[in-house]
Amino acid sequence: MGASAYAEPSAEVATSPSSSPSAAASTSAKPKQTATPEAEAVNGWIPVGDAWRKQVAAFKATKADPPPADAGNLPEFRADCKYSHRLADDPIVFPGLPGASHMHSFVGNKAVDADTRTADLTKFTATTCKPVKDRSAYWVPTLYDNATRKPVETTGFRVYYRSLQNNSAGQMPMPNGLRMISGDAKKKEPTPRGAQGQFYCAFYGPGDIDGVARSTNGNWPICGGDATLHFTLRFPDCWDGKHLDSPNHKDHVAYGSGNACPADHPVKIPSLTFEIQYGVKGSKAGYYLSSDPTGKSASSMHGDAFVMWDVDAMNQRTKNCIVQRRTCNNDGYDPFSY
């Protein structure tokens, strides 16, 4: 396990999604064996195991801290993460196939590569996230400057775990080993001013989120003042309770609405939200994503999450912050009560 050295930008630009994963596998080394195999996938479905049942029992026994009178009312906790490494790997979509993916920028667990499995996230705990008890891996396609063709890495990556529903009845913690994808890497549509799913401008600048100008192709904002490019990705908040992954990495989870989850995904879990900041203002040349090196739009932006937390930390935060509907910081405390 472990991240390899970064490739040169010219090599990265040439890297694109493999049209033949089997071909990629034939030219790579035999996948490393992980310490403890997880439950065997059946047609792409990875069943939940005893670890989840133990976590549920511990969660039910966890006592929430008394909520302060002036608690914030947005039920969430968070992790603040920094850029870790860059690889053409994807342990969710192309497990065991180094180089089979387009280039990804990883934050969180420092040891993630194509061979990473649940046991590896437990064993290799070094992380770029605070709190350090969040050992999850999070990644997005690498952003490139269209003029220089050099990568533009994140300067801020906040991961929210929050409730999107109107009450916390039946709320459960996030299961370790859960894999999820938000967004569509194959989507190739323009992202003009006002489009859904575009990069936007935020923090201390004139103009609105669409920027004070646009790139030549119209797909990327140019930010004014001290504002920089941002992107937000939201993940589902309902789970089938049976599988840690599915063949398309989406069917085991779903989006809830109002106070309930759908009947086929009845387990209410925290919704992950990526709030991603890039330290650039935008330019006329614009940018492109590794998931769409020719389209030069933001529509293929997507995110992957491979969840692994210290169980006690996850359970306590879920009880204190989400069940009690308190706004918590990355230490798991309500900042309004101190």
C-alpha atoms as a PDB file:
ATOM      1  CA  MET A   1       0.000   0.000   0.000  1.00  0.00           C
ATOM      2  CA  GLY A   2       0.938   3.663  -0.222  1.00  0.00           C
ATOM      3  CA  ALA A   3       0.957   6.442  -2.723  1.00  0.00           C
ATOM      4  CA  SER A   4       3.542   6.395  -5.463  1.00  0.00           C
ATOM      5  CA  ALA A   5       5.525   9.433  -6.529  1.00  0.00           C
ATOM      6  CA  TYR A   6       3.630  11.991  -8.570  1.00  0.00           C
ATOM      7  CA  ALA A   7       3.790  11.622 -12.321  1.00  0.00           C
ATOM      8  CA  GLU A   8       5.004  14.438 -14.527  1.00  0.00           C
ATOM      9  CA  PRO A   9       2.201  16.676 -15.812  1.00  0.00           C
ATOM     10  CA  SER A  10       2.741  15.566 -19.414  1.00  0.00           C
ATOM     11  CA  ALA A  11       2.214  11.946 -18.405  1.00  0.00           C
ATOM     12  CA  GLU A  12      -0.878  12.875 -16.431  1.00  0.00           C
ATOM     13  CA  VAL A  13      -2.466  14.702 -19.326  1.00  0.00           C
ATOM     14  CA  ALA A  14      -2.137  11.587 -21.442  1.00  0.00           C
ATOM     15  CA  THR A  15      -3.861   9.519 -18.785  1.00  0.00           C
ATOM     16  CA  SER A  16      -7.551   8.998 -19.458  1.00  0.00           C
ATOM     17  CA  PRO A  17     -10.195   6.456 -18.444  1.00  0.00           C
ATOM     18  CA  SER A  18      -9.183   3.055 -19.732  1.00  0.00           C
ATOM     19  CA  SER A  19     -11.510   1.613 -22.343  1.00  0.00           C
ATOM     20  CA  SER A  20     -10.287  -1.830 -21.409  1.00  0.00           C
ATOM     21  CA  PRO A  21      -9.683  -2.452 -17.701  1.00  0.00           C
ATOM     22  CA  SER A  22      -8.540  -5.978 -18.471  1.00  0.00           C
ATOM     23  CA  ALA A  23      -5.851  -4.614 -20.733  1.00  0.00           C
ATOM     24  CA  ALA A  24      -4.697  -2.317 -17.964  1.00  0.00           C
ATOM     25  CA  ALA A  25      -4.536  -5.249 -15.592  1.00  0.00           C
ATOM     26  CA  SER A  26      -2.429  -7.310 -17.970  1.00  0.00           C
ATOM     27  CA  THR A  27       0.340  -4.719 -17.923  1.00  0.00           C
ATOM     28  CA  SER A  28       0.330  -4.109 -14.188  1.00  0.00           C
ATOM     29  CA  ALA A  29       1.734  -6.016 -11.263  1.00  0.00           C
ATOM     30  CA  LYS A  30      -0.362  -8.610  -9.480  1.00  0.00           C
ATOM     31  CA  PRO A  31      -2.572  -6.851  -6.908  1.00  0.00           C
ATOM     32  CA  LYS A  32      -1.212  -6.938  -3.386  1.00  0.00           C
ATOM     33  CA  GLN A  33      -3.024  -9.019  -0.799  1.00  0.00           C
ATOM     34  CA  THR A  34      -4.660  -7.077   2.007  1.00  0.00           C
ATOM     35  CA  ALA A  35      -4.380  -8.072   5.637  1.00  0.00           C
ATOM     36  CA  THR A  36      -7.954  -9.214   6.178  1.00  0.00           C
ATOM     37  CA  PRO A  37     -10.277 -10.070   3.272  1.00  0.00           C
ATOM     38  CA  GLU A  38     -13.747  -8.560   3.538  1.00  0.00           C
ATOM     39  CA  ALA A  39     -16.962 -10.340   2.650  1.00  0.00           C
ATOM     40  CA  GLU A  40     -16.834 -11.616  -0.914  1.00  0.00           C
ATOM     41  CA  ALA A  41     -18.723  -9.539  -3.441  1.00  0.00           C
ATOM     42  CA  VAL A  42     -21.590 -11.267  -5.234  1.00  0.00           C
ATOM     43  CA  ASN A  43     -22.076  -9.838  -8.736  1.00  0.00           C
ATOM     44  CA  GLY A  44     -20.664  -6.529  -7.550  1.00  0.00           C
ATOM     45  CA  TRP A  45     -22.661  -6.381  -4.313  1.00  0.00           C
ATOM     46  CA  ILE A  46     -20.499  -6.315  -1.168  1.00  0.00           C
ATOM     47  CA  PRO A  47     -22.557  -7.537   1.806  1.00  0.00           C
ATOM     48  CA  VAL A  48     -22.397  -5.841   5.168  1.00  0.00           C
ATOM     49  CA  GLY A  49     -20.678  -7.942   7.831  1.00  0.00           C
ATOM     50  CA  ASP A  50     -20.445  -8.386  11.583  1.00  0.00           C
ATOM     51  CA  ALA A  51     -18.597  -5.084  11.993  1.00  0.00           C
ATOM     52  CA  TRP A  52     -21.794  -3.173  11.199  1.00  0.00           C
ATOM     53  CA  ARG A  53     -23.883  -5.200  13.618  1.00  0.00           C
ATOM     54  CA  LYS A  54     -21.326  -4.494  16.338  1.00  0.00           C
ATOM     55  CA  GLN A  55     -21.329  -0.804  15.462  1.00  0.00           C
ATOM     56  CA  VAL A  56     -25.131  -0.670  15.689  1.00  0.00           C
ATOM     57  CA  ALA A  57     -25.037  -2.280  19.132  1.00  0.00           C
ATOM     58  CA  ALA A  58     -22.402   0.220  20.271  1.00  0.00           C
ATOM     59  CA  PHE A  59     -24.386   3.109  18.785  1.00  0.00           C
ATOM     60  CA  LYS A  60     -27.523   2.126  20.667  1.00  0.00           C
ATOM     61  CA  ALA A  61     -25.494   2.031  23.887  1.00  0.00           C
ATOM     62  CA  THR A  62     -23.872   5.422  23.231  1.00  0.00           C
ATOM     63  CA  LYS A  63     -25.250   8.227  25.385  1.00  0.00           C
ATOM     64  CA  ALA A  64     -25.490  11.684  23.878  1.00  0.00           C
ATOM     65  CA  ASP A  65     -23.999  14.620  25.746  1.00  0.00           C
ATOM     66  CA  PRO A  66     -26.619  17.070  27.063  1.00  0.00           C
ATOM     67  CA  PRO A  67     -27.302  19.689  24.375  1.00  0.00           C
ATOM     68  CA  PRO A  68     -26.522  23.292  25.340  1.00  0.00           C
ATOM     69  CA  ALA A  69     -29.364  25.796  25.309  1.00  0.00           C
ATOM     70  CA  ASP A  70     -27.784  27.867  22.530  1.00  0.00           C
ATOM     71  CA  ALA A  71     -26.857  25.002  20.211  1.00  0.00           C
ATOM     72  CA  GLY A  72     -26.817  25.648  16.488  1.00  0.00           C
ATOM     73  CA  ASN A  73     -29.689  23.922  14.738  1.00  0.00           C
ATOM     74  CA  LEU A  74     -28.002  22.631  11.568  1.00  0.00           C
ATOM     75  CA  PRO A  75     -27.391  18.938  12.366  1.00  0.00           C
ATOM     76  CA  GLU A  76     -23.882  18.192  11.163  1.00  0.00           C
ATOM     77  CA  PHE A  77     -20.280  17.419  12.002  1.00  0.00           C
ATOM     78  CA  ARG A  78     -17.310  17.692   9.695  1.00  0.00           C
ATOM     79  CA  ALA A  79     -13.745  16.843   8.757  1.00  0.00           C
ATOM     80  CA  ASP A  80     -11.318  19.379   7.324  1.00  0.00           C
ATOM     81  CA  CYS A  81      -8.927  17.679   4.926  1.00  0.00           C
ATOM     82  CA  LYS A  82      -5.909  18.609   2.834  1.00  0.00           C
ATOM     83  CA  TYR A  83      -4.621  17.310  -0.475  1.00  0.00           C
ATOM     84  CA  SER A  84      -2.735  14.029  -0.074  1.00  0.00           C
ATOM     85  CA  HIS A  85      -1.666  12.568  -3.417  1.00  0.00           C
ATOM     86  CA  ARG A  86      -2.542  12.062  -7.064  1.00  0.00           C
ATOM     87  CA  LEU A  87      -2.881   8.703  -8.844  1.00  0.00           C
ATOM     88  CA  ALA A  88      -4.618   7.229 -11.892  1.00  0.00           C
ATOM     89  CA  ASP A  89      -6.276   4.749  -9.518  1.00  0.00           C
ATOM     90  CA  ASP A  90      -9.815   4.159  -8.280  1.00  0.00           C
ATOM     91  CA  PRO A  91     -10.220   1.449  -5.603  1.00  0.00           C
ATOM     92  CA  ILE A  92     -14.016   1.614  -5.955  1.00  0.00           C
ATOM     93  CA  VAL A  93     -14.503   1.504  -9.740  1.00  0.00           C
ATOM     94  CA  PHE A  94     -11.268  -0.281 -10.716  1.00  0.00           C
ATOM     95  CA  PRO A  95     -10.170  -2.220  -7.597  1.00  0.00           C
ATOM     96  CA  GLY A  96      -6.823  -3.944  -8.037  1.00  0.00           C
ATOM     97  CA  LEU A  97      -6.134  -2.258 -11.395  1.00  0.00           C
ATOM     98  CA  PRO A  98      -3.393   0.372 -11.003  1.00  0.00           C
ATOM     99  CA  GLY A  99      -3.502   3.012 -13.730  1.00  0.00           C
ATOM    100  CA  ALA A 100      -6.903   1.952 -15.085  1.00  0.00           C
ATOM    101  CA  SER A 101      -8.639   5.180 -14.085  1.00  0.00           C
ATOM    102  CA  HIS A 102      -8.367   8.793 -15.080  1.00  0.00           C
ATOM    103  CA  MET A 103      -6.233  10.844 -12.689  1.00  0.00           C
ATOM    104  CA  HIS A 104      -7.682  11.414  -9.221  1.00  0.00           C
ATOM    105  CA  SER A 105      -6.746  13.825  -6.454  1.00  0.00           C
ATOM    106  CA  PHE A 106      -7.018  12.143  -3.056  1.00  0.00           C
ATOM    107  CA  VAL A 107      -7.566  13.641   0.388  1.00  0.00           C
ATOM    108  CA  GLY A 108      -7.782  11.874   3.724  1.00  0.00           C
ATOM    109  CA  ASN A 109      -6.151   8.477   4.107  1.00  0.00           C
ATOM    110  CA  LYS A 110      -2.588   8.753   2.786  1.00  0.00           C
ATOM    111  CA  ALA A 111      -2.141   5.101   1.828  1.00  0.00           C
ATOM    112  CA  VAL A 112      -4.909   4.804  -0.755  1.00  0.00           C
ATOM    113  CA  ASP A 113      -4.209   3.267  -4.141  1.00  0.00           C
ATOM    114  CA  ALA A 114      -5.919   0.837  -6.518  1.00  0.00           C
ATOM    115  CA  ASP A 115      -5.529  -2.089  -4.110  1.00  0.00           C
ATOM    116  CA  THR A 116      -7.093  -0.415  -1.060  1.00  0.00           C
ATOM    117  CA  ARG A 117      -9.775  -2.377   0.751  1.00  0.00           C
ATOM    118  CA  THR A 118     -11.596  -1.870   4.034  1.00  0.00           C
ATOM    119  CA  ALA A 119      -8.914  -3.624   6.082  1.00  0.00           C
ATOM    120  CA  ASP A 120      -6.262  -1.305   4.648  1.00  0.00           C
ATOM    121  CA  LEU A 121      -8.091   1.795   5.854  1.00  0.00           C
ATOM    122  CA  THR A 122      -8.107   0.236   9.318  1.00  0.00           C
ATOM    123  CA  LYS A 123      -4.435  -0.725   9.217  1.00  0.00           C
ATOM    124  CA  PHE A 124      -2.985   2.382   7.535  1.00  0.00           C
ATOM    125  CA  THR A 125      -4.372   5.286   9.545  1.00  0.00           C
ATOM    126  CA  ALA A 126      -2.233   8.290   8.524  1.00  0.00           C
ATOM    127  CA  THR A 127      -4.574  10.976   7.218  1.00  0.00           C
ATOM    128  CA  THR A 128      -4.658  14.564   6.003  1.00  0.00           C
ATOM    129  CA  CYS A 129      -8.001  15.097   7.752  1.00  0.00           C
ATOM    130  CA  LYS A 130      -8.842  16.637  11.094  1.00  0.00           C
ATOM    131  CA  PRO A 131     -10.057  14.851  13.134  1.00  0.00           C
ATOM    132  CA  VAL A 132      -7.458  12.128  12.687  1.00  0.00           C
ATOM    133  CA  LYS A 133     -10.107   9.618  13.733  1.00  0.00           C
ATOM    134  CA  ASP A 134     -11.534  10.065  10.245  1.00  0.00           C
ATOM    135  CA  ARG A 135      -9.454   7.567   8.257  1.00  0.00           C
ATOM    136  CA  SER A 136     -11.714   7.652   5.211  1.00  0.00           C
ATOM    137  CA  ALA A 137     -10.533   8.165   1.651  1.00  0.00           C
ATOM    138  CA  TYR A 138     -12.131  10.875  -0.469  1.00  0.00           C
ATOM    139  CA  TRP A 139     -11.239  11.697  -4.059  1.00  0.00           C
ATOM    140  CA  VAL A 140     -12.267  13.704  -7.127  1.00  0.00           C
ATOM    141  CA  PRO A 141     -11.002  13.914 -10.720  1.00  0.00           C
ATOM    142  CA  THR A 142      -7.941  16.107 -11.025  1.00  0.00           C
ATOM    143  CA  LEU A 143      -8.496  19.644 -12.298  1.00  0.00           C
ATOM    144  CA  TYR A 144      -6.058  20.961 -14.934  1.00  0.00           C
ATOM    145  CA  ASP A 145      -5.277  24.456 -16.171  1.00  0.00           C
ATOM    146  CA  ASN A 146      -6.155  24.522 -19.871  1.00  0.00           C
ATOM    147  CA  ALA A 147      -3.337  26.973 -20.660  1.00  0.00           C
ATOM    148  CA  THR A 148      -0.472  25.239 -18.873  1.00  0.00           C
ATOM    149  CA  ARG A 149      -1.946  21.696 -18.745  1.00  0.00           C
ATOM    150  CA  LYS A 150      -0.674  21.473 -15.181  1.00  0.00           C
ATOM    151  CA  PRO A 151      -2.770  20.110 -12.301  1.00  0.00           C
ATOM    152  CA  VAL A 152      -4.582  22.495  -9.988  1.00  0.00           C
ATOM    153  CA  GLU A 153      -4.954  20.897  -6.571  1.00  0.00           C
ATOM    154  CA  THR A 154      -7.416  21.652  -3.821  1.00  0.00           C
ATOM    155  CA  THR A 155      -6.501  24.226  -1.194  1.00  0.00           C
ATOM    156  CA  GLY A 156      -9.440  23.330   1.031  1.00  0.00           C
ATOM    157  CA  PHE A 157     -11.569  20.199   1.252  1.00  0.00           C
ATOM    158  CA  ARG A 158     -14.273  20.135   3.925  1.00  0.00           C
ATOM    159  CA  VAL A 159     -16.386  17.000   4.321  1.00  0.00           C
ATOM    160  CA  TYR A 160     -19.702  17.525   6.078  1.00  0.00           C
ATOM    161  CA  TYR A 161     -21.669  14.686   7.634  1.00  0.00           C
ATOM    162  CA  ARG A 162     -25.158  16.129   8.033  1.00  0.00           C
ATOM    163  CA  SER A 163     -28.860  15.426   8.180  1.00  0.00           C
ATOM    164  CA  LEU A 164     -30.904  16.594   5.209  1.00  0.00           C
ATOM    165  CA  GLN A 165     -34.197  15.480   6.718  1.00  0.00           C
ATOM    166  CA  ASN A 166     -36.626  17.265   9.006  1.00  0.00           C
ATOM    167  CA  ASN A 167     -36.140  15.039  12.030  1.00  0.00           C
ATOM    168  CA  SER A 168     -33.641  12.541  13.399  1.00  0.00           C
ATOM    169  CA  ALA A 169     -35.996   9.630  14.040  1.00  0.00           C
ATOM    170  CA  GLY A 170     -34.236   6.390  13.118  1.00  0.00           C
ATOM    171  CA  GLN A 171     -30.921   8.120  12.474  1.00  0.00           C
ATOM    172  CA  MET A 172     -27.958   5.730  12.231  1.00  0.00           C
ATOM    173  CA  PRO A 173     -24.195   6.350  11.951  1.00  0.00           C
ATOM    174  CA  MET A 174     -22.213   5.906   8.767  1.00  0.00           C
ATOM    175  CA  PRO A 175     -21.084   2.270   8.346  1.00  0.00           C
ATOM    176  CA  ASN A 176     -17.376   1.646   7.953  1.00  0.00           C
ATOM    177  CA  GLY A 177     -16.428   0.277   4.546  1.00  0.00           C
ATOM    178  CA  LEU A 178     -19.281   2.042   2.760  1.00  0.00           C
ATOM    179  CA  ARG A 179     -18.373   3.116  -0.767  1.00  0.00           C
ATOM    180  CA  MET A 180     -20.301   5.793  -2.639  1.00  0.00           C
ATOM    181  CA  ILE A 181     -20.053   7.951  -5.750  1.00  0.00           C
ATOM    182  CA  SER A 182     -21.783  11.272  -6.344  1.00  0.00           C
ATOM    183  CA  GLY A 183     -21.961  12.752  -9.836  1.00  0.00           C
ATOM    184  CA  ASP A 184     -21.431  11.280 -13.299  1.00  0.00           C
ATOM    185  CA  ALA A 185     -17.939  10.941 -14.763  1.00  0.00           C
ATOM    186  CA  LYS A 186     -19.428  10.266 -18.216  1.00  0.00           C
ATOM    187  CA  LYS A 187     -21.534  13.409 -18.393  1.00  0.00           C
ATOM    188  CA  LYS A 188     -20.338  15.735 -21.148  1.00  0.00           C
ATOM    189  CA  GLU A 189     -22.508  18.850 -21.207  1.00  0.00           C
ATOM    190  CA  PRO A 190     -21.690  22.568 -21.279  1.00  0.00           C
ATOM    191  CA  THR A 191     -21.715  24.429 -17.955  1.00  0.00           C
ATOM    192  CA  PRO A 192     -22.529  28.034 -18.891  1.00  0.00           C
ATOM    193  CA  ARG A 193     -23.454  30.803 -16.463  1.00  0.00           C
ATOM    194  CA  GLY A 194     -26.332  29.661 -14.270  1.00  0.00           C
ATOM    195  CA  ALA A 195     -25.956  25.958 -15.085  1.00  0.00           C
ATOM    196  CA  GLN A 196     -26.451  23.295 -12.454  1.00  0.00           C
ATOM    197  CA  GLY A 197     -23.324  21.384 -11.464  1.00  0.00           C
ATOM    198  CA  GLN A 198     -20.792  24.063 -12.326  1.00  0.00           C
ATOM    199  CA  PHE A 199     -17.791  25.422 -10.472  1.00  0.00           C
ATOM    200  CA  TYR A 200     -18.638  28.654  -8.678  1.00  0.00           C
ATOM    201  CA  CYS A 201     -16.948  31.624  -7.018  1.00  0.00           C
ATOM    202  CA  ALA A 202     -16.921  32.073  -3.250  1.00  0.00           C
ATOM    203  CA  PHE A 203     -15.206  34.086  -0.493  1.00  0.00           C
ATOM    204  CA  TYR A 204     -14.709  37.830  -0.613  1.00  0.00           C
ATOM    205  CA  GLY A 205     -15.244  38.824  -4.190  1.00  0.00           C
ATOM    206  CA  PRO A 206     -17.556  41.066  -6.203  1.00  0.00           C
ATOM    207  CA  GLY A 207     -20.224  39.575  -8.424  1.00  0.00           C
ATOM    208  CA  ASP A 208     -22.327  36.477  -7.853  1.00  0.00           C
ATOM    209  CA  ILE A 209     -21.339  32.821  -7.723  1.00  0.00           C
ATOM    210  CA  ASP A 210     -21.134  32.770 -11.543  1.00  0.00           C
ATOM    211  CA  GLY A 211     -18.178  35.162 -11.388  1.00  0.00           C
ATOM    212  CA  VAL A 212     -17.475  38.550 -12.931  1.00  0.00           C
ATOM    213  CA  ALA A 213     -16.659  36.969 -16.309  1.00  0.00           C
ATOM    214  CA  ARG A 214     -16.425  33.563 -17.996  1.00  0.00           C
ATOM    215  CA  SER A 215     -13.754  31.543 -19.759  1.00  0.00           C
ATOM    216  CA  THR A 216     -13.629  31.798 -23.548  1.00  0.00           C
ATOM    217  CA  ASN A 217     -15.735  28.654 -23.912  1.00  0.00           C
ATOM    218  CA  GLY A 218     -18.164  29.934 -21.272  1.00  0.00           C
ATOM    219  CA  ASN A 219     -17.895  26.838 -19.086  1.00  0.00           C
ATOM    220  CA  TRP A 220     -15.783  28.223 -16.235  1.00  0.00           C
ATOM    221  CA  PRO A 221     -16.292  31.309 -14.050  1.00  0.00           C
ATOM    222  CA  ILE A 222     -13.671  33.993 -13.524  1.00  0.00           C
ATOM    223  CA  CYS A 223     -13.835  35.238  -9.947  1.00  0.00           C
ATOM    224  CA  GLY A 224     -13.410  38.813  -8.790  1.00  0.00           C
ATOM    225  CA  GLY A 225     -11.617  40.188  -5.743  1.00  0.00           C
ATOM    226  CA  ASP A 226     -10.315  37.493  -3.411  1.00  0.00           C
ATOM    227  CA  ALA A 227     -12.907  34.905  -4.472  1.00  0.00           C
ATOM    228  CA  THR A 228     -11.695  31.548  -5.798  1.00  0.00           C
ATOM    229  CA  LEU A 229     -13.152  28.520  -7.568  1.00  0.00           C
ATOM    230  CA  HIS A 230     -15.260  26.119  -5.500  1.00  0.00           C
ATOM    231  CA  PHE A 231     -17.345  23.018  -6.080  1.00  0.00           C
ATOM    232  CA  THR A 232     -19.981  21.265  -3.943  1.00  0.00           C
ATOM    233  CA  LEU A 233     -20.939  17.586  -4.137  1.00  0.00           C
ATOM    234  CA  ARG A 234     -23.750  16.024  -2.103  1.00  0.00           C
ATOM    235  CA  PHE A 235     -24.079  12.285  -1.475  1.00  0.00           C
ATOM    236  CA  PRO A 236     -27.190  10.191  -0.645  1.00  0.00           C
ATOM    237  CA  ASP A 237     -28.509   9.966   2.915  1.00  0.00           C
ATOM    238  CA  CYS A 238     -30.383   6.641   2.759  1.00  0.00           C
ATOM    239  CA  TRP A 239     -28.918   3.126   2.635  1.00  0.00           C
ATOM    240  CA  ASP A 240     -30.301  -0.354   2.019  1.00  0.00           C
ATOM    241  CA  GLY A 241     -28.638  -1.592   5.239  1.00  0.00           C
ATOM    242  CA  LYS A 242     -27.376  -4.707   3.473  1.00  0.00           C
ATOM    243  CA  HIS A 243     -24.536  -3.770   1.150  1.00  0.00           C
ATOM    244  CA  LEU A 244     -21.368  -1.688   1.380  1.00  0.00           C
ATOM    245  CA  ASP A 245     -21.219  -1.358  -2.405  1.00  0.00           C
ATOM    246  CA  SER A 246     -23.206  -2.195  -5.528  1.00  0.00           C
ATOM    247  CA  PRO A 247     -22.253  -2.891  -9.165  1.00  0.00           C
ATOM    248  CA  ASN A 248     -22.671   0.741 -10.238  1.00  0.00           C
ATOM    249  CA  HIS A 249     -21.609   2.042  -6.785  1.00  0.00           C
ATOM    250  CA  LYS A 250     -24.946   3.877  -6.425  1.00  0.00           C
ATOM    251  CA  ASP A 251     -27.799   1.367  -6.155  1.00  0.00           C
ATOM    252  CA  HIS A 252     -27.162   0.540  -2.478  1.00  0.00           C
ATOM    253  CA  VAL A 253     -27.824   4.162  -1.473  1.00  0.00           C
ATOM    254  CA  ALA A 254     -30.549   6.694  -2.282  1.00  0.00           C
ATOM    255  CA  TYR A 255     -31.613  10.260  -1.592  1.00  0.00           C
ATOM    256  CA  GLY A 256     -34.317  10.755   0.998  1.00  0.00           C
ATOM    257  CA  SER A 257     -36.953  13.451   1.081  1.00  0.00           C
ATOM    258  CA  GLY A 258     -38.720  15.196   3.913  1.00  0.00           C
ATOM    259  CA  ASN A 259     -38.832  12.939   6.946  1.00  0.00           C
ATOM    260  CA  ALA A 260     -38.349   9.539   5.376  1.00  0.00           C
ATOM    261  CA  CYS A 261     -36.117   7.274   3.364  1.00  0.00           C
ATOM    262  CA  PRO A 262     -37.560   5.126   0.552  1.00  0.00           C
ATOM    263  CA  ALA A 263     -38.772   1.659   1.526  1.00  0.00           C
ATOM    264  CA  ASP A 264     -35.994  -0.108  -0.375  1.00  0.00           C
ATOM    265  CA  HIS A 265     -33.336   2.075   1.311  1.00  0.00           C
ATOM    266  CA  PRO A 266     -34.782   2.426   4.818  1.00  0.00           C
ATOM    267  CA  VAL A 267     -31.640   3.211   6.839  1.00  0.00           C
ATOM    268  CA  LYS A 268     -31.112   6.912   7.502  1.00  0.00           C
ATOM    269  CA  ILE A 269     -27.377   7.747   7.423  1.00  0.00           C
ATOM    270  CA  PRO A 270     -25.555  11.089   7.432  1.00  0.00           C
ATOM    271  CA  SER A 271     -25.306  12.733   4.024  1.00  0.00           C
ATOM    272  CA  LEU A 272     -21.758  13.476   2.949  1.00  0.00           C
ATOM    273  CA  THR A 273     -21.177  16.868   1.344  1.00  0.00           C
ATOM    274  CA  PHE A 274     -17.847  17.820  -0.232  1.00  0.00           C
ATOM    275  CA  GLU A 275     -17.103  21.551  -0.099  1.00  0.00           C
ATOM    276  CA  ILE A 276     -14.018  21.885  -2.307  1.00  0.00           C
ATOM    277  CA  GLN A 277     -11.893  24.995  -2.694  1.00  0.00           C
ATOM    278  CA  TYR A 278      -9.264  25.604  -5.374  1.00  0.00           C
ATOM    279  CA  GLY A 279      -6.722  28.381  -4.957  1.00  0.00           C
ATOM    280  CA  VAL A 280      -7.292  29.873  -8.408  1.00  0.00           C
ATOM    281  CA  LYS A 281      -9.550  32.665  -9.632  1.00  0.00           C
ATOM    282  CA  GLY A 282     -10.284  31.379 -13.118  1.00  0.00           C
ATOM    283  CA  SER A 283      -9.014  32.565 -16.493  1.00  0.00           C
ATOM    284  CA  LYS A 284     -10.034  33.026 -20.104  1.00  0.00           C
ATOM    285  CA  ALA A 285      -8.271  29.771 -20.984  1.00  0.00           C
ATOM    286  CA  GLY A 286     -10.373  27.891 -18.452  1.00  0.00           C
ATOM    287  CA  TYR A 287      -9.798  24.388 -17.126  1.00  0.00           C
ATOM    288  CA  TYR A 288     -10.581  20.755 -17.770  1.00  0.00           C
ATOM    289  CA  LEU A 289     -11.110  17.666 -15.636  1.00  0.00           C
ATOM    290  CA  SER A 290      -9.232  14.398 -15.998  1.00  0.00           C
ATOM    291  CA  SER A 291     -12.637  12.744 -16.434  1.00  0.00           C
ATOM    292  CA  ASP A 292     -13.266  14.878 -19.545  1.00  0.00           C
ATOM    293  CA  PRO A 293      -9.930  16.043 -21.000  1.00  0.00           C
ATOM    294  CA  THR A 294     -11.532  17.139 -24.295  1.00  0.00           C
ATOM    295  CA  GLY A 295     -14.888  18.520 -23.148  1.00  0.00           C
ATOM    296  CA  LYS A 296     -13.407  21.264 -20.985  1.00  0.00           C
ATOM    297  CA  SER A 297     -16.601  21.628 -18.938  1.00  0.00           C
ATOM    298  CA  ALA A 298     -17.406  20.831 -15.322  1.00  0.00           C
ATOM    299  CA  SER A 299     -20.295  18.440 -15.958  1.00  0.00           C
ATOM    300  CA  SER A 300     -18.194  15.294 -15.406  1.00  0.00           C
ATOM    301  CA  MET A 301     -17.171  16.410 -11.907  1.00  0.00           C
ATOM    302  CA  HIS A 302     -17.836  13.654  -9.385  1.00  0.00           C
ATOM    303  CA  GLY A 303     -16.647  12.430  -6.021  1.00  0.00           C
ATOM    304  CA  ASP A 304     -15.888   9.111  -4.371  1.00  0.00           C
ATOM    305  CA  ALA A 305     -16.022   8.256  -0.681  1.00  0.00           C
ATOM    306  CA  PHE A 306     -14.653   5.138   1.031  1.00  0.00           C
ATOM    307  CA  VAL A 307     -15.724   5.532   4.650  1.00  0.00           C
ATOM    308  CA  MET A 308     -13.603   4.530   7.648  1.00  0.00           C
ATOM    309  CA  TRP A 309     -13.889   6.171  11.076  1.00  0.00           C
ATOM    310  CA  ASP A 310     -12.971   5.260  14.595  1.00  0.00           C
ATOM    311  CA  VAL A 311     -16.290   3.664  15.581  1.00  0.00           C
ATOM    312  CA  ASP A 312     -16.635   5.459  18.909  1.00  0.00           C
ATOM    313  CA  ALA A 313     -15.904   8.827  17.281  1.00  0.00           C
ATOM    314  CA  MET A 314     -18.478   8.265  14.537  1.00  0.00           C
ATOM    315  CA  ASN A 315     -21.121   7.026  16.968  1.00  0.00           C
ATOM    316  CA  GLN A 316     -20.623   9.887  19.432  1.00  0.00           C
ATOM    317  CA  ARG A 317     -20.707  12.548  16.727  1.00  0.00           C
ATOM    318  CA  THR A 318     -23.847  11.059  15.209  1.00  0.00           C
ATOM    319  CA  LYS A 319     -25.569  11.094  18.604  1.00  0.00           C
ATOM    320  CA  ASN A 320     -24.330  14.524  19.721  1.00  0.00           C
ATOM    321  CA  CYS A 321     -24.554  16.406  16.450  1.00  0.00           C
ATOM    322  CA  ILE A 322     -27.120  14.772  14.182  1.00  0.00           C
ATOM    323  CA  VAL A 323     -29.575  13.040  16.507  1.00  0.00           C
ATOM    324  CA  GLN A 324     -29.619  16.112  18.776  1.00  0.00           C
ATOM    325  CA  ARG A 325     -29.564  18.418  15.733  1.00  0.00           C
ATOM    326  CA  ARG A 326     -26.507  20.421  16.743  1.00  0.00           C
ATOM    327  CA  THR A 327     -23.966  22.180  14.546  1.00  0.00           C
ATOM    328  CA  CYS A 328     -20.560  20.684  15.405  1.00  0.00           C
ATOM    329  CA  ASN A 329     -17.016  21.456  14.314  1.00  0.00           C
ATOM    330  CA  ASN A 330     -14.318  18.979  13.306  1.00  0.00           C
ATOM    331  CA  ASP A 331     -13.613  18.177  16.954  1.00  0.00           C
ATOM    332  CA  GLY A 332     -17.173  16.943  17.320  1.00  0.00           C
ATOM    333  CA  TYR A 333     -18.251  19.792  19.596  1.00  0.00           C
ATOM    334  CA  ASP A 334     -20.871  22.483  19.216  1.00  0.00           C
ATOM    335  CA  PRO A 335     -18.794  25.663  18.747  1.00  0.00           C
ATOM    336  CA  PHE A 336     -21.702  27.786  19.961  1.00  0.00           C
ATOM    337  CA  SER A 337     -21.587  26.222  23.427  1.00  0.00           C
ATOM    338  CA  TYR A 338     -17.974  27.060  24.296  1.00  0.00           C
END
